[in-house]
Protein backbone atom coordinates (compact mmCIF):
# COMPACT_ATOMS: atom_id res chain seq x y z
CA MET A 1 30.94 -21.14 -64.19
CA THR A 2 30.58 -24.23 -66.81
CA PHE A 3 32.37 -27.13 -67.68
CA GLU A 4 31.88 -30.44 -69.06
CA CYS A 5 32.71 -33.72 -67.27
CA VAL A 6 34.53 -36.62 -68.45
CA PRO A 7 34.24 -39.79 -66.61
CA ASP A 8 37.11 -40.88 -64.49
CA GLU A 9 38.77 -37.44 -64.81
CA THR A 10 39.00 -35.25 -61.66
CA ILE A 11 37.99 -31.52 -61.77
CA LEU A 12 39.15 -29.21 -59.20
CA VAL A 13 37.10 -25.86 -58.66
CA GLU A 14 38.73 -23.24 -56.29
CA LYS A 15 36.92 -20.41 -54.87
CA ILE A 16 38.11 -17.56 -53.18
CA ALA A 17 35.77 -15.17 -50.95
CA SER A 18 36.41 -11.99 -49.20
CA ILE A 19 34.40 -10.19 -46.42
CA TYR A 20 34.35 -6.68 -45.46
CA THR A 21 31.94 -4.81 -43.68
CA SER A 22 31.21 -1.19 -43.04
CA ARG A 23 33.21 -1.22 -39.59
CA ASP A 24 36.64 -2.14 -41.48
CA PHE A 25 39.03 0.67 -41.86
CA ALA A 26 40.31 2.38 -44.88
CA ILE A 27 37.74 1.43 -47.32
CA SER A 28 35.14 3.16 -49.58
CA GLU A 29 32.42 0.24 -49.07
CA PRO A 30 32.27 -3.19 -48.72
CA VAL A 31 31.40 -4.66 -51.97
CA SER A 32 34.38 -2.62 -53.68
CA ALA A 33 36.78 -3.60 -51.02
CA SER A 34 35.77 -7.50 -51.26
CA CYS A 35 36.06 -7.48 -55.01
CA GLN A 36 39.61 -5.71 -55.03
CA ALA A 37 40.44 -8.27 -52.33
CA VAL A 38 39.78 -11.28 -54.31
CA GLU A 39 41.49 -9.79 -57.56
CA HIS A 40 44.76 -9.26 -55.55
CA ALA A 41 44.26 -12.44 -53.60
CA GLY A 42 46.79 -14.72 -55.44
CA THR A 43 46.10 -18.32 -55.99
CA PHE A 44 44.66 -21.00 -53.46
CA ALA A 45 48.03 -22.27 -52.92
CA ASP A 46 49.39 -18.86 -52.03
CA LEU A 47 46.48 -18.35 -49.62
CA ARG A 48 47.22 -21.59 -47.96
CA THR A 49 50.91 -20.77 -47.58
CA SER A 50 50.01 -17.48 -45.96
CA GLN A 51 47.83 -19.30 -43.54
CA VAL A 52 50.08 -21.84 -42.68
CA ASN A 53 52.61 -19.11 -41.79
CA SER A 54 50.27 -17.35 -39.85
CA TRP A 55 48.97 -20.18 -37.61
CA LYS A 56 52.61 -21.02 -37.20
CA LYS A 57 53.44 -17.47 -35.75
CA LEU A 58 50.39 -18.03 -33.32
CA TRP A 59 51.40 -21.49 -32.43
CA ASP A 60 54.89 -20.19 -31.60
CA ARG A 61 53.36 -17.56 -29.31
CA PHE A 62 50.34 -19.59 -27.69
CA ASP A 63 51.27 -23.12 -27.48
CA VAL A 64 51.29 -24.74 -24.12
CA GLN A 65 52.96 -27.97 -23.74
CA VAL A 66 52.32 -30.71 -21.05
CA SER A 67 54.20 -33.83 -20.57
CA GLY A 68 53.05 -37.37 -19.47
CA ASN A 69 49.47 -37.07 -21.16
CA ASP A 70 48.70 -37.04 -24.83
CA GLN A 71 44.92 -36.64 -24.22
CA SER A 72 45.10 -33.62 -22.21
CA GLN A 73 47.87 -32.09 -24.42
CA LYS A 74 45.16 -32.63 -27.05
CA LEU A 75 42.39 -30.73 -25.23
CA ILE A 76 44.59 -27.97 -24.17
CA ARG A 77 45.56 -27.26 -27.94
CA LEU A 78 41.95 -27.36 -28.80
CA HIS A 79 40.83 -25.07 -26.40
CA ILE A 80 43.51 -22.76 -27.62
CA PHE A 81 42.64 -23.01 -31.40
CA HIS A 82 38.93 -21.99 -30.37
CA VAL A 83 40.19 -19.07 -28.22
CA LEU A 84 42.20 -18.10 -31.18
CA GLN A 85 39.44 -18.44 -33.45
CA THR A 86 37.15 -16.27 -31.37
CA ALA A 87 39.79 -14.02 -29.56
CA SER A 88 41.78 -12.91 -32.65
CA HIS A 89 44.38 -10.33 -32.86
CA ASN A 90 42.60 -9.10 -35.96
CA THR A 91 39.84 -7.63 -33.68
CA TYR A 92 42.16 -4.87 -32.34
CA ASP A 93 40.37 -1.43 -32.17
CA LEU A 94 37.13 -2.98 -33.23
CA ASP A 95 35.41 -2.69 -30.08
CA VAL A 96 34.16 -6.34 -29.76
CA GLY A 97 33.93 -8.92 -26.88
CA VAL A 98 34.24 -12.45 -26.24
CA PRO A 99 31.29 -14.09 -27.71
CA SER A 100 29.92 -17.33 -25.94
CA ARG A 101 30.50 -20.28 -28.16
CA GLY A 102 32.84 -18.42 -30.30
CA LEU A 103 31.79 -17.39 -33.69
CA HIS A 104 31.45 -20.73 -35.17
CA GLY A 105 28.23 -22.00 -33.23
CA GLU A 106 24.43 -20.99 -33.07
CA ALA A 107 24.23 -21.33 -29.39
CA TYR A 108 23.77 -17.97 -27.69
CA ARG A 109 23.80 -16.00 -30.77
CA GLY A 110 27.10 -14.62 -30.59
CA HIS A 111 25.95 -12.73 -27.22
CA ILE A 112 28.66 -11.64 -24.84
CA MET A 113 28.32 -13.63 -21.52
CA TRP A 114 31.23 -14.31 -18.78
CA ASP A 115 33.74 -16.20 -21.26
CA GLU A 116 36.67 -13.72 -20.31
CA LEU A 117 37.05 -15.87 -17.09
CA PHE A 118 38.59 -18.59 -18.71
CA VAL A 119 40.02 -16.92 -21.91
CA PHE A 120 42.04 -14.12 -20.09
CA PRO A 121 44.56 -16.43 -18.09
CA LEU A 122 46.15 -17.48 -21.49
CA LEU A 123 45.77 -13.93 -22.99
CA ASN A 124 47.17 -12.27 -20.31
CA PHE A 125 50.70 -14.19 -20.67
CA ARG A 126 50.52 -14.36 -24.38
CA ASN A 127 48.63 -11.09 -25.72
CA PRO A 128 47.99 -8.71 -22.87
CA LEU A 129 47.08 -6.03 -25.56
CA LEU A 130 44.02 -8.25 -26.77
CA THR A 131 43.01 -8.48 -22.93
CA ARG A 132 43.17 -4.73 -22.87
CA GLU A 133 40.93 -4.23 -26.02
CA PHE A 134 38.41 -6.70 -24.14
CA LEU A 135 38.36 -4.82 -20.90
CA LEU A 136 37.90 -1.57 -22.78
CA TYR A 137 34.76 -3.38 -24.46
CA ARG A 138 33.29 -3.81 -21.13
CA TYR A 139 34.39 -0.47 -19.93
CA ARG A 140 32.50 1.22 -22.50
CA ARG A 141 29.32 -0.39 -21.53
CA LEU A 142 29.39 0.36 -18.27
CA PRO A 143 26.70 3.49 -18.49
CA GLN A 144 24.44 0.65 -19.95
CA ALA A 145 25.20 -1.69 -16.91
CA ARG A 146 24.80 1.17 -14.79
CA LEU A 147 21.16 1.83 -16.00
CA ALA A 148 20.30 -1.76 -15.74
CA ALA A 149 21.35 -1.87 -12.05
CA LYS A 150 19.12 1.38 -11.53
CA ASN A 151 16.24 0.14 -13.24
CA SER A 152 16.19 -3.17 -11.30
CA GLY A 153 16.42 -1.22 -7.97
CA TYR A 154 20.35 -1.87 -7.40
CA LYS A 155 23.52 0.03 -6.86
CA GLY A 156 26.48 0.57 -8.91
CA ALA A 157 26.58 -1.44 -12.20
CA MET A 158 24.88 -4.75 -13.22
CA PHE A 159 26.28 -6.44 -16.76
CA PRO A 160 23.63 -8.64 -18.23
CA TRP A 161 23.68 -12.31 -18.76
CA GLN A 162 23.68 -12.27 -22.47
CA SER A 163 24.33 -8.74 -24.20
CA GLY A 164 24.68 -7.48 -27.61
CA SER A 165 26.43 -4.72 -29.43
CA ASP A 166 25.26 -1.84 -27.10
CA GLY A 167 25.68 -3.84 -23.52
CA ARG A 168 21.56 -4.01 -22.98
CA GLU A 169 20.36 -7.42 -21.81
CA GLU A 170 19.52 -9.72 -24.48
CA SER A 171 18.54 -12.81 -22.87
CA GLN A 172 15.57 -14.61 -24.38
CA ARG A 173 12.57 -14.78 -22.03
CA ILE A 174 11.02 -18.19 -23.40
CA HIS A 175 13.15 -21.35 -24.19
CA LEU A 176 12.44 -24.57 -26.19
CA ASN A 177 12.94 -27.63 -24.18
CA PRO A 178 14.60 -29.98 -26.23
CA PHE A 179 13.34 -32.78 -24.27
CA SER A 180 9.53 -31.98 -23.96
CA GLY A 181 9.43 -29.90 -27.30
CA HIS A 182 7.68 -27.47 -25.39
CA TRP A 183 8.27 -23.68 -24.77
CA ILE A 184 9.01 -22.65 -21.22
CA PRO A 185 9.95 -19.50 -19.19
CA ASP A 186 13.75 -18.71 -19.50
CA GLU A 187 14.61 -17.09 -16.60
CA THR A 188 18.42 -17.00 -16.72
CA TYR A 189 18.41 -13.25 -17.18
CA LEU A 190 17.93 -13.32 -13.31
CA GLN A 191 21.64 -14.89 -12.91
CA ARG A 192 23.83 -12.07 -10.97
CA HIS A 193 26.98 -13.67 -10.81
CA ILE A 194 28.41 -12.18 -14.10
CA ASN A 195 29.63 -9.30 -12.38
CA ALA A 196 32.05 -11.50 -10.11
CA GLY A 197 33.35 -12.87 -13.29
CA ILE A 198 34.17 -9.53 -14.87
CA VAL A 199 35.54 -8.43 -11.56
CA TYR A 200 38.08 -11.45 -11.47
CA SER A 201 39.12 -10.70 -15.08
CA ILE A 202 39.87 -7.13 -14.28
CA SER A 203 41.61 -8.21 -11.00
CA LEU A 204 44.06 -9.90 -13.15
CA LEU A 205 45.54 -6.66 -14.60
CA ARG A 206 44.73 -4.59 -11.71
CA CYS A 207 42.53 -2.35 -13.59
CA LYS A 208 39.63 0.21 -12.62
CA PHE A 209 35.70 0.10 -12.11
CA ILE A 210 35.91 -2.69 -9.80
CA SER A 211 34.18 -0.88 -6.86
CA THR A 212 31.34 0.17 -9.46
CA LEU A 213 30.57 -3.74 -9.90
CA THR A 214 30.98 -4.62 -6.23
CA LYS A 215 28.34 -2.03 -5.42
CA HIS A 216 25.64 -4.05 -7.20
CA PHE A 217 26.73 -6.92 -4.74
CA SER A 218 26.33 -4.96 -1.42
CA SER A 219 22.71 -3.79 -2.67
CA LEU A 220 21.41 -7.17 -3.60
CA ARG A 221 18.79 -8.58 -0.88
């Protein structure tokens, strides 16, 4: 894109982007799908109107209102916003979990930890189908959790502190201390309470496979 700048004249540049991956449905390949989406996207104003309408529907469904404390109201809505950005209804049938720190921060590199614990109470009332999708994500990785428990000498299933797409332990073994500037051993992968968070989340919907996780606790020494 080239243009001439004239003093005291405002130039407005609009850029429309589209993202597809090989995991998206009903496409031939990501590049051509993205190009077609941009071609038929309409103007920025059209997209903004669509976005505003979509978010209005979400707020009508998910908003939680409190009285007497404006600061609490702001914090609750900020939390809901981050939940909706991370636990999106657009992820139905995509086999995804709840990434720690959401999809908008580098901390924990998008790994799955125990964040269902404080996300499910909202989703259970506002979008239980999404809760089901996240529980299925855990269930599909139960074989890997069973293997992890067995390899560590335990019974049942042991979900990792940080996991990736296949359910394996992905926690780092060294960590940069931001205060000293030195690399030190990182033993956070030894934390075993993540199973309890998962069991609690499952119990909210009275689902199966709780016993497999509690067996792990019974075998801890």
